[in-house]
PDB file of N, CA and C in Angstrom:
ATOM      1  N   MET A   1       0.840  -1.189   0.000  1.00  0.00           N
ATOM      2  CA  MET A   1       0.000   0.000   0.000  1.00  0.00           C
ATOM      3  C   MET A   1       0.882   1.249   0.000  1.00  0.00           C
ATOM      4  N   SER A   2       0.558   2.167  -0.840  1.00  0.00           N
ATOM      5  CA  SER A   2       1.349   3.380  -0.986  1.00  0.00           C
ATOM      6  C   SER A   2       0.967   4.407   0.082  1.00  0.00           C
ATOM      7  N   THR A   3       1.958   5.093   0.604  1.00  0.00           N
ATOM      8  CA  THR A   3       1.710   6.139   1.591  1.00  0.00           C
ATOM      9  C   THR A   3       1.750   7.526   0.951  1.00  0.00           C
ATOM     10  N   HIS A   4       1.713   7.584  -0.380  1.00  0.00           N
ATOM     11  CA  HIS A   4       1.762   8.855  -1.097  1.00  0.00           C
ATOM     12  C   HIS A   4       0.499   9.659  -0.812  1.00  0.00           C
ATOM     13  N   ARG A   5       0.674  10.899  -0.371  1.00  0.00           N
ATOM     14  CA  ARG A   5      -0.467  11.762  -0.071  1.00  0.00           C
ATOM     15  C   ARG A   5      -1.062  12.311  -1.351  1.00  0.00           C
ATOM     16  N   LYS A   6      -2.364  12.404  -1.367  1.00  0.00           N
ATOM     17  CA  LYS A   6      -3.059  12.950  -2.531  1.00  0.00           C
ATOM     18  C   LYS A   6      -2.869  14.467  -2.569  1.00  0.00           C
ATOM     19  N   SER A   7      -2.569  14.981  -3.755  1.00  0.00           N
ATOM     20  CA  SER A   7      -2.407  16.425  -3.879  1.00  0.00           C
ATOM     21  C   SER A   7      -3.778  17.094  -3.893  1.00  0.00           C
ATOM     22  N   ASN A   8      -3.842  18.261  -3.315  1.00  0.00           N
ATOM     23  CA  ASN A   8      -5.092  18.989  -3.218  1.00  0.00           C
ATOM     24  C   ASN A   8      -4.809  20.466  -3.491  1.00  0.00           C
ATOM     25  N   VAL A   9      -4.862  20.835  -4.757  1.00  0.00           N
ATOM     26  CA  VAL A   9      -4.546  22.201  -5.172  1.00  0.00           C
ATOM     27  C   VAL A   9      -5.543  23.194  -4.579  1.00  0.00           C
ATOM     28  N   SER A  10      -6.819  22.856  -4.574  1.00  0.00           N
ATOM     29  CA  SER A  10      -7.825  23.797  -4.068  1.00  0.00           C
ATOM     30  C   SER A  10      -7.645  24.054  -2.575  1.00  0.00           C
ATOM     31  N   ARG A  11      -7.249  23.040  -1.835  1.00  0.00           N
ATOM     32  CA  ARG A  11      -6.999  23.233  -0.398  1.00  0.00           C
ATOM     33  C   ARG A  11      -5.806  24.163  -0.191  1.00  0.00           C
ATOM     34  N   GLY A  12      -4.752  23.964  -0.983  1.00  0.00           N
ATOM     35  CA  GLY A  12      -3.593  24.849  -0.895  1.00  0.00           C
ATOM     36  C   GLY A  12      -3.932  26.276  -1.274  1.00  0.00           C
ATOM     37  N   MET A  13      -4.752  26.431  -2.317  1.00  0.00           N
ATOM     38  CA  MET A  13      -5.161  27.775  -2.730  1.00  0.00           C
ATOM     39  C   MET A  13      -5.966  28.456  -1.633  1.00  0.00           C
ATOM     40  N   TRP A  14      -6.866  27.733  -1.006  1.00  0.00           N
ATOM     41  CA  TRP A  14      -7.696  28.302   0.051  1.00  0.00           C
ATOM     42  C   TRP A  14      -6.826  28.803   1.200  1.00  0.00           C
ATOM     43  N   TRP A  15      -5.867  27.982   1.626  1.00  0.00           N
ATOM     44  CA  TRP A  15      -5.000  28.390   2.719  1.00  0.00           C
ATOM     45  C   TRP A  15      -4.140  29.588   2.337  1.00  0.00           C
ATOM     46  N   MET A  16      -3.621  29.602   1.131  1.00  0.00           N
ATOM     47  CA  MET A  16      -2.823  30.746   0.674  1.00  0.00           C
ATOM     48  C   MET A  16      -3.656  32.015   0.644  1.00  0.00           C
ATOM     49  N   PHE A  17      -4.865  31.894   0.143  1.00  0.00           N
ATOM     50  CA  PHE A  17      -5.753  33.058   0.087  1.00  0.00           C
ATOM     51  C   PHE A  17      -6.064  33.573   1.488  1.00  0.00           C
ATOM     52  N   LEU A  18      -6.458  32.679   2.377  1.00  0.00           N
ATOM     53  CA  LEU A  18      -6.849  33.069   3.731  1.00  0.00           C
ATOM     54  C   LEU A  18      -5.687  33.711   4.483  1.00  0.00           C
ATOM     55  N   ILE A  19      -4.531  33.083   4.440  1.00  0.00           N
ATOM     56  CA  ILE A  19      -3.387  33.613   5.180  1.00  0.00           C
ATOM     57  C   ILE A  19      -2.868  34.895   4.532  1.00  0.00           C
ATOM     58  N   SER A  20      -2.953  35.010   3.222  1.00  0.00           N
ATOM     59  CA  SER A  20      -2.553  36.258   2.551  1.00  0.00           C
ATOM     60  C   SER A  20      -3.415  37.419   3.008  1.00  0.00           C
ATOM     61  N   VAL A  21      -4.702  37.174   3.127  1.00  0.00           N
ATOM     62  CA  VAL A  21      -5.607  38.240   3.568  1.00  0.00           C
ATOM     63  C   VAL A  21      -5.330  38.607   5.026  1.00  0.00           C
ATOM     64  N   LEU A  22      -5.082  37.608   5.859  1.00  0.00           N
ATOM     65  CA  LEU A  22      -4.846  37.877   7.278  1.00  0.00           C
ATOM     66  C   LEU A  22      -3.483  38.532   7.539  1.00  0.00           C
ATOM     67  N   LEU A  23      -2.501  38.205   6.732  1.00  0.00           N
ATOM     68  CA  LEU A  23      -1.149  38.736   6.942  1.00  0.00           C
ATOM     69  C   LEU A  23      -0.752  39.777   5.892  1.00  0.00           C
ATOM     70  N   PHE A  24      -1.717  40.497   5.368  1.00  0.00           N
ATOM     71  CA  PHE A  24      -1.432  41.496   4.335  1.00  0.00           C
ATOM     72  C   PHE A  24      -0.487  42.576   4.829  1.00  0.00           C
ATOM     73  N   TRP A  25      -0.442  42.810   6.111  1.00  0.00           N
ATOM     74  CA  TRP A  25       0.344  43.889   6.677  1.00  0.00           C
ATOM     75  C   TRP A  25       1.825  43.546   6.826  1.00  0.00           C
ATOM     76  N   LEU A  26       2.209  42.293   6.553  1.00  0.00           N
ATOM     77  CA  LEU A  26       3.617  41.895   6.562  1.00  0.00           C
ATOM     78  C   LEU A  26       4.100  41.807   5.116  1.00  0.00           C
ATOM     79  N   PRO A  27       4.889  42.759   4.641  1.00  0.00           N
ATOM     80  CA  PRO A  27       5.200  42.841   3.218  1.00  0.00           C
ATOM     81  C   PRO A  27       5.829  41.600   2.595  1.00  0.00           C
ATOM     82  N   VAL A  28       6.852  41.025   3.142  1.00  0.00           N
ATOM     83  CA  VAL A  28       7.515  39.876   2.532  1.00  0.00           C
ATOM     84  C   VAL A  28       7.210  38.599   3.305  1.00  0.00           C
ATOM     85  N   VAL A  29       7.171  38.706   4.614  1.00  0.00           N
ATOM     86  CA  VAL A  29       6.984  37.536   5.463  1.00  0.00           C
ATOM     87  C   VAL A  29       5.575  36.963   5.329  1.00  0.00           C
ATOM     88  N   GLY A  30       4.563  37.813   5.201  1.00  0.00           N
ATOM     89  CA  GLY A  30       3.183  37.345   5.076  1.00  0.00           C
ATOM     90  C   GLY A  30       2.962  36.441   3.874  1.00  0.00           C
ATOM     91  N   PRO A  31       3.342  36.882   2.655  1.00  0.00           N
ATOM     92  CA  PRO A  31       3.190  36.001   1.503  1.00  0.00           C
ATOM     93  C   PRO A  31       4.046  34.741   1.595  1.00  0.00           C
ATOM     94  N   PHE A  32       5.235  34.846   2.201  1.00  0.00           N
ATOM     95  CA  PHE A  32       6.082  33.669   2.345  1.00  0.00           C
ATOM     96  C   PHE A  32       5.416  32.623   3.242  1.00  0.00           C
ATOM     97  N   ILE A  33       4.868  33.082   4.376  1.00  0.00           N
ATOM     98  CA  ILE A  33       4.184  32.162   5.284  1.00  0.00           C
ATOM     99  C   ILE A  33       2.966  31.556   4.600  1.00  0.00           C
ATOM    100  N   ALA A  34       2.202  32.382   3.888  1.00  0.00           N
ATOM    101  CA  ALA A  34       1.029  31.878   3.170  1.00  0.00           C
ATOM    102  C   ALA A  34       1.432  30.838   2.135  1.00  0.00           C
ATOM    103  N   GLY A  35       2.508  31.090   1.404  1.00  0.00           N
ATOM    104  CA  GLY A  35       2.985  30.136   0.409  1.00  0.00           C
ATOM    105  C   GLY A  35       3.470  28.850   1.036  1.00  0.00           C
ATOM    106  N   PHE A  36       4.175  28.958   2.146  1.00  0.00           N
ATOM    107  CA  PHE A  36       4.704  27.774   2.811  1.00  0.00           C
ATOM    108  C   PHE A  36       3.575  26.867   3.310  1.00  0.00           C
ATOM    109  N   ILE A  37       2.627  27.455   4.008  1.00  0.00           N
ATOM    110  CA  ILE A  37       1.513  26.658   4.540  1.00  0.00           C
ATOM    111  C   ILE A  37       0.649  26.125   3.412  1.00  0.00           C
ATOM    112  N   GLY A  38       0.355  26.952   2.427  1.00  0.00           N
ATOM    113  CA  GLY A  38      -0.426  26.491   1.285  1.00  0.00           C
ATOM    114  C   GLY A  38       0.284  25.405   0.494  1.00  0.00           C
ATOM    115  N   GLY A  39       1.604  25.520   0.374  1.00  0.00           N
ATOM    116  CA  GLY A  39       2.381  24.492  -0.312  1.00  0.00           C
ATOM    117  C   GLY A  39       2.341  23.168   0.412  1.00  0.00           C
ATOM    118  N   LYS A  40       2.411  23.219   1.743  1.00  0.00           N
ATOM    119  CA  LYS A  40       2.301  21.977   2.527  1.00  0.00           C
ATOM    120  C   LYS A  40       0.915  21.368   2.385  1.00  0.00           C
ATOM    121  N   LYS A  41      -0.118  22.204   2.413  1.00  0.00           N
ATOM    122  CA  LYS A  41      -1.492  21.709   2.301  1.00  0.00           C
ATOM    123  C   LYS A  41      -1.783  21.182   0.901  1.00  0.00           C
ATOM    124  N   ALA A  42      -1.105  21.735  -0.109  1.00  0.00           N
ATOM    125  CA  ALA A  42      -1.318  21.270  -1.482  1.00  0.00           C
ATOM    126  C   ALA A  42      -0.772  19.858  -1.675  1.00  0.00           C
ATOM    127  N   GLY A  43       0.259  19.504  -0.934  1.00  0.00           N
ATOM    128  CA  GLY A  43       0.716  18.131  -0.939  1.00  0.00           C
ATOM    129  C   GLY A  43       1.833  17.790  -1.903  1.00  0.00           C
ATOM    130  N   GLY A  44       2.528  18.746  -2.436  1.00  0.00           N
ATOM    131  CA  GLY A  44       3.640  18.449  -3.331  1.00  0.00           C
ATOM    132  C   GLY A  44       4.105  19.701  -4.042  1.00  0.00           C
ATOM    133  N   LEU A  45       5.183  19.556  -4.781  1.00  0.00           N
ATOM    134  CA  LEU A  45       5.772  20.716  -5.443  1.00  0.00           C
ATOM    135  C   LEU A  45       4.900  21.245  -6.583  1.00  0.00           C
ATOM    136  N   GLU A  46       4.461  20.373  -7.482  1.00  0.00           N
ATOM    137  CA  GLU A  46       3.654  20.828  -8.624  1.00  0.00           C
ATOM    138  C   GLU A  46       2.312  21.421  -8.188  1.00  0.00           C
ATOM    139  N   PRO A  47       1.558  20.759  -7.284  1.00  0.00           N
ATOM    140  CA  PRO A  47       0.307  21.386  -6.842  1.00  0.00           C
ATOM    141  C   PRO A  47       0.534  22.702  -6.098  1.00  0.00           C
ATOM    142  N   ALA A  48       1.644  22.798  -5.367  1.00  0.00           N
ATOM    143  CA  ALA A  48       1.937  24.037  -4.641  1.00  0.00           C
ATOM    144  C   ALA A  48       2.181  25.189  -5.601  1.00  0.00           C
ATOM    145  N   ILE A  49       2.921  24.924  -6.675  1.00  0.00           N
ATOM    146  CA  ILE A  49       3.193  25.971  -7.659  1.00  0.00           C
ATOM    147  C   ILE A  49       1.904  26.380  -8.366  1.00  0.00           C
ATOM    148  N   MET A  50       1.051  25.403  -8.679  1.00  0.00           N
ATOM    149  CA  MET A  50      -0.226  25.741  -9.319  1.00  0.00           C
ATOM    150  C   MET A  50      -1.118  26.538  -8.376  1.00  0.00           C
ATOM    151  N   ALA A  51      -1.043  26.253  -7.087  1.00  0.00           N
ATOM    152  CA  ALA A  51      -1.901  26.930  -6.116  1.00  0.00           C
ATOM    153  C   ALA A  51      -1.470  28.364  -5.852  1.00  0.00           C
ATOM    154  N   VAL A  52      -0.274  28.746  -6.230  1.00  0.00           N
ATOM    155  CA  VAL A  52       0.210  30.101  -5.961  1.00  0.00           C
ATOM    156  C   VAL A  52      -0.515  31.136  -6.809  1.00  0.00           C
ATOM    157  N   PHE A  53      -0.716  30.835  -8.066  1.00  0.00           N
ATOM    158  CA  PHE A  53      -1.130  31.875  -9.003  1.00  0.00           C
ATOM    159  C   PHE A  53      -2.618  32.202  -8.969  1.00  0.00           C
ATOM    160  N   LEU A  54      -3.472  31.265  -8.688  1.00  0.00           N
ATOM    161  CA  LEU A  54      -4.901  31.548  -8.735  1.00  0.00           C
ATOM    162  C   LEU A  54      -5.363  32.559  -7.686  1.00  0.00           C
ATOM    163  N   PRO A  55      -4.959  32.464  -6.401  1.00  0.00           N
ATOM    164  CA  PRO A  55      -5.433  33.487  -5.449  1.00  0.00           C
ATOM    165  C   PRO A  55      -5.027  34.897  -5.837  1.00  0.00           C
ATOM    166  N   ILE A  56      -3.813  35.079  -6.331  1.00  0.00           N
ATOM    167  CA  ILE A  56      -3.346  36.412  -6.717  1.00  0.00           C
ATOM    168  C   ILE A  56      -4.157  36.941  -7.893  1.00  0.00           C
ATOM    169  N   VAL A  57      -4.370  36.120  -8.881  1.00  0.00           N
ATOM    170  CA  VAL A  57      -5.106  36.557 -10.072  1.00  0.00           C
ATOM    171  C   VAL A  57      -6.567  36.846  -9.730  1.00  0.00           C
ATOM    172  N   VAL A  58      -7.191  35.982  -8.932  1.00  0.00           N
ATOM    173  CA  VAL A  58      -8.610  36.181  -8.583  1.00  0.00           C
ATOM    174  C   VAL A  58      -8.799  37.463  -7.778  1.00  0.00           C
ATOM    175  N   ILE A  59      -7.956  37.682  -6.776  1.00  0.00           N
ATOM    176  CA  ILE A  59      -8.081  38.895  -5.958  1.00  0.00           C
ATOM    177  C   ILE A  59      -7.821  40.136  -6.804  1.00  0.00           C
ATOM    178  N   GLY A  60      -6.785  40.105  -7.630  1.00  0.00           N
ATOM    179  CA  GLY A  60      -6.452  41.269  -8.456  1.00  0.00           C
ATOM    180  C   GLY A  60      -7.543  41.617  -9.444  1.00  0.00           C
ATOM    181  N   VAL A  61      -8.067  40.620 -10.130  1.00  0.00           N
ATOM    182  CA  VAL A  61      -9.131  40.878 -11.111  1.00  0.00           C
ATOM    183  C   VAL A  61     -10.403  41.351 -10.416  1.00  0.00           C
ATOM    184  N   ALA A  62     -10.738  40.734  -9.277  1.00  0.00           N
ATOM    185  CA  ALA A  62     -11.943  41.140  -8.544  1.00  0.00           C
ATOM    186  C   ALA A  62     -11.832  42.597  -8.087  1.00  0.00           C
ATOM    187  N   LEU A  63     -10.696  42.969  -7.538  1.00  0.00           N
ATOM    188  CA  LEU A  63     -10.527  44.352  -7.097  1.00  0.00           C
ATOM    189  C   LEU A  63     -10.492  45.325  -8.262  1.00  0.00           C
ATOM    190  N   PHE A  64      -9.977  44.889  -9.395  1.00  0.00           N
ATOM    191  CA  PHE A  64      -9.970  45.727 -10.582  1.00  0.00           C
ATOM    192  C   PHE A  64     -11.402  46.074 -10.989  1.00  0.00           C
ATOM    193  N   PHE A  65     -12.284  45.077 -11.014  1.00  0.00           N
ATOM    194  CA  PHE A  65     -13.669  45.323 -11.424  1.00  0.00           C
ATOM    195  C   PHE A  65     -14.509  45.942 -10.320  1.00  0.00           C
ATOM    196  N   PHE A  66     -14.321  45.514  -9.073  1.00  0.00           N
ATOM    197  CA  PHE A  66     -15.100  46.094  -7.977  1.00  0.00           C
ATOM    198  C   PHE A  66     -14.708  47.534  -7.719  1.00  0.00           C
ATOM    199  N   GLY A  67     -13.437  47.869  -7.939  1.00  0.00           N
ATOM    200  CA  GLY A  67     -12.999  49.251  -7.765  1.00  0.00           C
ATOM    201  C   GLY A  67     -13.725  50.194  -8.695  1.00  0.00           C
ATOM    202  N   SER A  68     -13.919  49.775  -9.924  1.00  0.00           N
ATOM    203  CA  SER A  68     -14.629  50.635 -10.859  1.00  0.00           C
ATOM    204  C   SER A  68     -16.124  50.649 -10.575  1.00  0.00           C
ATOM    205  N   ALA A  69     -16.663  49.564 -10.063  1.00  0.00           N
ATOM    206  CA  ALA A  69     -18.097  49.526  -9.758  1.00  0.00           C
ATOM    207  C   ALA A  69     -18.423  50.346  -8.512  1.00  0.00           C
ATOM    208  N   LEU A  70     -17.544  50.352  -7.532  1.00  0.00           N
ATOM    209  CA  LEU A  70     -17.831  51.028  -6.268  1.00  0.00           C
ATOM    210  C   LEU A  70     -17.562  52.527  -6.289  1.00  0.00           C
ATOM    211  N   THR A  71     -16.683  52.991  -7.147  1.00  0.00           N
ATOM    212  CA  THR A  71     -16.381  54.425  -7.154  1.00  0.00           C
ATOM    213  C   THR A  71     -17.386  55.231  -7.952  1.00  0.00           C
ATOM    214  N   GLY A  72     -18.065  54.617  -8.874  1.00  0.00           N
ATOM    215  CA  GLY A  72     -18.988  55.359  -9.725  1.00  0.00           C
ATOM    216  C   GLY A  72     -18.282  56.017 -10.894  1.00  0.00           C
ATOM    217  N   LEU A  73     -16.989  56.054 -10.844  1.00  0.00           N
ATOM    218  CA  LEU A  73     -16.172  56.582 -11.934  1.00  0.00           C
ATOM    219  C   LEU A  73     -15.328  55.428 -12.479  1.00  0.00           C
ATOM    220  N   PRO A  74     -15.759  54.827 -13.567  1.00  0.00           N
ATOM    221  CA  PRO A  74     -15.096  53.605 -14.033  1.00  0.00           C
ATOM    222  C   PRO A  74     -13.597  53.747 -14.281  1.00  0.00           C
ATOM    223  N   LEU A  75     -13.166  54.866 -14.841  1.00  0.00           N
ATOM    224  CA  LEU A  75     -11.740  55.017 -15.137  1.00  0.00           C
ATOM    225  C   LEU A  75     -10.916  55.109 -13.859  1.00  0.00           C
ATOM    226  N   ILE A  76     -11.364  55.899 -12.894  1.00  0.00           N
ATOM    227  CA  ILE A  76     -10.634  56.045 -11.628  1.00  0.00           C
ATOM    228  C   ILE A  76     -10.633  54.723 -10.869  1.00  0.00           C
ATOM    229  N   GLY A  77     -11.762  54.044 -10.835  1.00  0.00           N
ATOM    230  CA  GLY A  77     -11.836  52.753 -10.152  1.00  0.00           C
ATOM    231  C   GLY A  77     -10.962  51.701 -10.809  1.00  0.00           C
ATOM    232  N   ALA A  78     -10.913  51.713 -12.130  1.00  0.00           N
ATOM    233  CA  ALA A  78     -10.073  50.758 -12.846  1.00  0.00           C
ATOM    234  C   ALA A  78      -8.596  51.031 -12.582  1.00  0.00           C
ATOM    235  N   ILE A  79      -8.217  52.287 -12.506  1.00  0.00           N
ATOM    236  CA  ILE A  79      -6.818  52.634 -12.218  1.00  0.00           C
ATOM    237  C   ILE A  79      -6.460  52.202 -10.795  1.00  0.00           C
ATOM    238  N   ALA A  80      -7.351  52.459  -9.832  1.00  0.00           N
ATOM    239  CA  ALA A  80      -7.095  52.040  -8.448  1.00  0.00           C
ATOM    240  C   ALA A  80      -7.036  50.521  -8.352  1.00  0.00           C
ATOM    241  N   GLY A  81      -7.947  49.846  -9.016  1.00  0.00           N
ATOM    242  CA  GLY A  81      -7.940  48.383  -9.012  1.00  0.00           C
ATOM    243  C   GLY A  81      -6.695  47.815  -9.654  1.00  0.00           C
ATOM    244  N   PHE A  82      -6.230  48.439 -10.728  1.00  0.00           N
ATOM    245  CA  PHE A  82      -5.007  47.994 -11.382  1.00  0.00           C
ATOM    246  C   PHE A  82      -3.795  48.199 -10.475  1.00  0.00           C
ATOM    247  N   GLY A  83      -3.795  49.280  -9.710  1.00  0.00           N
ATOM    248  CA  GLY A  83      -2.708  49.506  -8.750  1.00  0.00           C
ATOM    249  C   GLY A  83      -2.647  48.412  -7.704  1.00  0.00           C
ATOM    250  N   VAL A  84      -3.795  47.998  -7.212  1.00  0.00           N
ATOM    251  CA  VAL A  84      -3.839  46.893  -6.248  1.00  0.00           C
ATOM    252  C   VAL A  84      -3.374  45.602  -6.910  1.00  0.00           C
ATOM    253  N   PHE A  85      -3.750  45.385  -8.154  1.00  0.00           N
ATOM    254  CA  PHE A  85      -3.329  44.192  -8.889  1.00  0.00           C
ATOM    255  C   PHE A  85      -1.809  44.143  -9.012  1.00  0.00           C
ATOM    256  N   VAL A  86      -1.173  45.281  -9.267  1.00  0.00           N
ATOM    257  CA  VAL A  86       0.285  45.338  -9.381  1.00  0.00           C
ATOM    258  C   VAL A  86       0.941  45.014  -8.038  1.00  0.00           C
ATOM    259  N   VAL A  87       0.378  45.509  -6.950  1.00  0.00           N
ATOM    260  CA  VAL A  87       0.914  45.191  -5.621  1.00  0.00           C
ATOM    261  C   VAL A  87       0.788  43.690  -5.351  1.00  0.00           C
ATOM    262  N   LEU A  88      -0.327  43.102  -5.735  1.00  0.00           N
ATOM    263  CA  LEU A  88      -0.505  41.664  -5.537  1.00  0.00           C
ATOM    264  C   LEU A  88       0.475  40.859  -6.384  1.00  0.00           C
ATOM    265  N   ILE A  89       0.740  41.302  -7.583  1.00  0.00           N
ATOM    266  CA  ILE A  89       1.719  40.621  -8.427  1.00  0.00           C
ATOM    267  C   ILE A  89       3.101  40.677  -7.779  1.00  0.00           C
ATOM    268  N   ALA A  90       3.409  41.760  -7.073  1.00  0.00           N
ATOM    269  CA  ALA A  90       4.697  41.874  -6.396  1.00  0.00           C
ATOM    270  C   ALA A  90       4.830  40.853  -5.264  1.00  0.00           C
ATOM    271  N   HIS A  91       3.718  40.380  -4.738  1.00  0.00           N
ATOM    272  CA  HIS A  91       3.752  39.387  -3.655  1.00  0.00           C
ATOM    273  C   HIS A  91       3.913  37.957  -4.152  1.00  0.00           C
ATOM    274  N   ILE A  92       3.891  37.748  -5.455  1.00  0.00           N
ATOM    275  CA  ILE A  92       4.023  36.389  -5.972  1.00  0.00           C
ATOM    276  C   ILE A  92       5.406  35.821  -5.664  1.00  0.00           C
ATOM    277  N   GLY A  93       6.447  36.630  -5.698  1.00  0.00           N
ATOM    278  CA  GLY A  93       7.804  36.141  -5.459  1.00  0.00           C
ATOM    279  C   GLY A  93       7.964  35.436  -4.128  1.00  0.00           C
ATOM    280  N   PRO A  94       7.690  36.123  -3.002  1.00  0.00           N
ATOM    281  CA  PRO A  94       7.819  35.446  -1.713  1.00  0.00           C
ATOM    282  C   PRO A  94       6.837  34.284  -1.549  1.00  0.00           C
ATOM    283  N   MET A  95       5.631  34.432  -2.104  1.00  0.00           N
ATOM    284  CA  MET A  95       4.657  33.355  -1.976  1.00  0.00           C
ATOM    285  C   MET A  95       5.094  32.130  -2.768  1.00  0.00           C
ATOM    286  N   LEU A  96       5.654  32.346  -3.950  1.00  0.00           N
ATOM    287  CA  LEU A  96       6.137  31.233  -4.754  1.00  0.00           C
ATOM    288  C   LEU A  96       7.309  30.534  -4.071  1.00  0.00           C
ATOM    289  N   LEU A  97       8.228  31.299  -3.494  1.00  0.00           N
ATOM    290  CA  LEU A  97       9.344  30.713  -2.764  1.00  0.00           C
ATOM    291  C   LEU A  97       8.852  29.885  -1.578  1.00  0.00           C
ATOM    292  N   GLY A  98       7.894  30.441  -0.822  1.00  0.00           N
ATOM    293  CA  GLY A  98       7.328  29.692   0.294  1.00  0.00           C
ATOM    294  C   GLY A  98       6.610  28.444  -0.162  1.00  0.00           C
ATOM    295  N   ALA A  99       5.887  28.514  -1.291  1.00  0.00           N
ATOM    296  CA  ALA A  99       5.166  27.350  -1.799  1.00  0.00           C
ATOM    297  C   ALA A  99       6.126  26.265  -2.260  1.00  0.00           C
ATOM    298  N   ILE A 100       7.232  26.653  -2.866  1.00  0.00           N
ATOM    299  CA  ILE A 100       8.214  25.662  -3.296  1.00  0.00           C
ATOM    300  C   ILE A 100       8.805  24.948  -2.078  1.00  0.00           C
ATOM    301  N   ILE A 101       9.173  25.708  -1.064  1.00  0.00           N
ATOM    302  CA  ILE A 101       9.728  25.086   0.139  1.00  0.00           C
ATOM    303  C   ILE A 101       8.669  24.235   0.832  1.00  0.00           C
ATOM    304  N   GLY A 102       7.445  24.764   0.969  1.00  0.00           N
ATOM    305  CA  GLY A 102       6.370  23.999   1.588  1.00  0.00           C
ATOM    306  C   GLY A 102       6.011  22.756   0.811  1.00  0.00           C
ATOM    307  N   GLY A 103       6.035  22.845  -0.518  1.00  0.00           N
ATOM    308  CA  GLY A 103       5.738  21.677  -1.353  1.00  0.00           C
ATOM    309  C   GLY A 103       6.803  20.609  -1.245  1.00  0.00           C
ATOM    310  N   LEU A 104       8.045  21.013  -1.077  1.00  0.00           N
ATOM    311  CA  LEU A 104       9.121  20.048  -0.909  1.00  0.00           C
ATOM    312  C   LEU A 104       9.101  19.392   0.467  1.00  0.00           C
ATOM    313  N   VAL A 105       8.647  20.137   1.477  1.00  0.00           N
ATOM    314  CA  VAL A 105       8.570  19.597   2.830  1.00  0.00           C
ATOM    315  C   VAL A 105       7.410  18.613   2.961  1.00  0.00           C
ATOM    316  N   ALA A 106       6.336  18.845   2.219  1.00  0.00           N
ATOM    317  CA  ALA A 106       5.120  18.013   2.349  1.00  0.00           C
ATOM    318  C   ALA A 106       5.348  16.574   2.038  1.00  0.00           C
TER     319      ALA A 106
END
Protein backbone atom coordinates (compact mmCIF):
# COMPACT_ATOMS: atom_id res chain seq x y z
CA MET A 1 0.00 0.00 0.00
CA SER A 2 1.35 3.38 -0.99
CA THR A 3 1.71 6.14 1.59
CA HIS A 4 1.76 8.86 -1.10
CA ARG A 5 -0.47 11.76 -0.07
CA LYS A 6 -3.06 12.95 -2.53
CA SER A 7 -2.41 16.42 -3.88
CA ASN A 8 -5.09 18.99 -3.22
CA VAL A 9 -4.55 22.20 -5.17
CA SER A 10 -7.82 23.80 -4.07
CA ARG A 11 -7.00 23.23 -0.40
CA GLY A 12 -3.59 24.85 -0.89
CA MET A 13 -5.16 27.78 -2.73
CA TRP A 14 -7.70 28.30 0.05
CA TRP A 15 -5.00 28.39 2.72
CA MET A 16 -2.82 30.75 0.67
CA PHE A 17 -5.75 33.06 0.09
CA LEU A 18 -6.85 33.07 3.73
CA ILE A 19 -3.39 33.61 5.18
CA SER A 20 -2.55 36.26 2.55
CA VAL A 21 -5.61 38.24 3.57
CA LEU A 22 -4.85 37.88 7.28
CA LEU A 23 -1.15 38.74 6.94
CA PHE A 24 -1.43 41.50 4.33
CA TRP A 25 0.34 43.89 6.68
CA LEU A 26 3.62 41.90 6.56
CA PRO A 27 5.20 42.84 3.22
CA VAL A 28 7.52 39.88 2.53
CA VAL A 29 6.98 37.54 5.46
CA GLY A 30 3.18 37.34 5.08
CA PRO A 31 3.19 36.00 1.50
CA PHE A 32 6.08 33.67 2.35
CA ILE A 33 4.18 32.16 5.28
CA ALA A 34 1.03 31.88 3.17
CA GLY A 35 2.98 30.14 0.41
CA PHE A 36 4.70 27.77 2.81
CA ILE A 37 1.51 26.66 4.54
CA GLY A 38 -0.43 26.49 1.29
CA GLY A 39 2.38 24.49 -0.31
CA LYS A 40 2.30 21.98 2.53
CA LYS A 41 -1.49 21.71 2.30
CA ALA A 42 -1.32 21.27 -1.48
CA GLY A 43 0.72 18.13 -0.94
CA GLY A 44 3.64 18.45 -3.33
CA LEU A 45 5.77 20.72 -5.44
CA GLU A 46 3.65 20.83 -8.62
CA PRO A 47 0.31 21.39 -6.84
CA ALA A 48 1.94 24.04 -4.64
CA ILE A 49 3.19 25.97 -7.66
CA MET A 50 -0.23 25.74 -9.32
CA ALA A 51 -1.90 26.93 -6.12
CA VAL A 52 0.21 30.10 -5.96
CA PHE A 53 -1.13 31.88 -9.00
CA LEU A 54 -4.90 31.55 -8.73
CA PRO A 55 -5.43 33.49 -5.45
CA ILE A 56 -3.35 36.41 -6.72
CA VAL A 57 -5.11 36.56 -10.07
CA VAL A 58 -8.61 36.18 -8.58
CA ILE A 59 -8.08 38.89 -5.96
CA GLY A 60 -6.45 41.27 -8.46
CA VAL A 61 -9.13 40.88 -11.11
CA ALA A 62 -11.94 41.14 -8.54
CA LEU A 63 -10.53 44.35 -7.10
CA PHE A 64 -9.97 45.73 -10.58
CA PHE A 65 -13.67 45.32 -11.42
CA PHE A 66 -15.10 46.09 -7.98
CA GLY A 67 -13.00 49.25 -7.76
CA SER A 68 -14.63 50.64 -10.86
CA ALA A 69 -18.10 49.53 -9.76
CA LEU A 70 -17.83 51.03 -6.27
CA THR A 71 -16.38 54.42 -7.15
CA GLY A 72 -18.99 55.36 -9.73
CA LEU A 73 -16.17 56.58 -11.93
CA PRO A 74 -15.10 53.60 -14.03
CA LEU A 75 -11.74 55.02 -15.14
CA ILE A 76 -10.63 56.04 -11.63
CA GLY A 77 -11.84 52.75 -10.15
CA ALA A 78 -10.07 50.76 -12.85
CA ILE A 79 -6.82 52.63 -12.22
CA ALA A 80 -7.09 52.04 -8.45
CA GLY A 81 -7.94 48.38 -9.01
CA PHE A 82 -5.01 47.99 -11.38
CA GLY A 83 -2.71 49.51 -8.75
CA VAL A 84 -3.84 46.89 -6.25
CA PHE A 85 -3.33 44.19 -8.89
CA VAL A 86 0.29 45.34 -9.38
CA VAL A 87 0.91 45.19 -5.62
CA LEU A 88 -0.51 41.66 -5.54
CA ILE A 89 1.72 40.62 -8.43
CA ALA A 90 4.70 41.87 -6.40
CA HIS A 91 3.75 39.39 -3.66
CA ILE A 92 4.02 36.39 -5.97
CA GLY A 93 7.80 36.14 -5.46
CA PRO A 94 7.82 35.45 -1.71
CA MET A 95 4.66 33.35 -1.98
CA LEU A 96 6.14 31.23 -4.75
CA LEU A 97 9.34 30.71 -2.76
CA GLY A 98 7.33 29.69 0.29
CA ALA A 99 5.17 27.35 -1.80
CA ILE A 100 8.21 25.66 -3.30
CA ILE A 101 9.73 25.09 0.14
CA GLY A 102 6.37 24.00 1.59
CA GLY A 103 5.74 21.68 -1.35
CA LEU A 104 9.12 20.05 -0.91
CA VAL A 105 8.57 19.60 2.83
CA ALA A 106 5.12 18.01 2.35
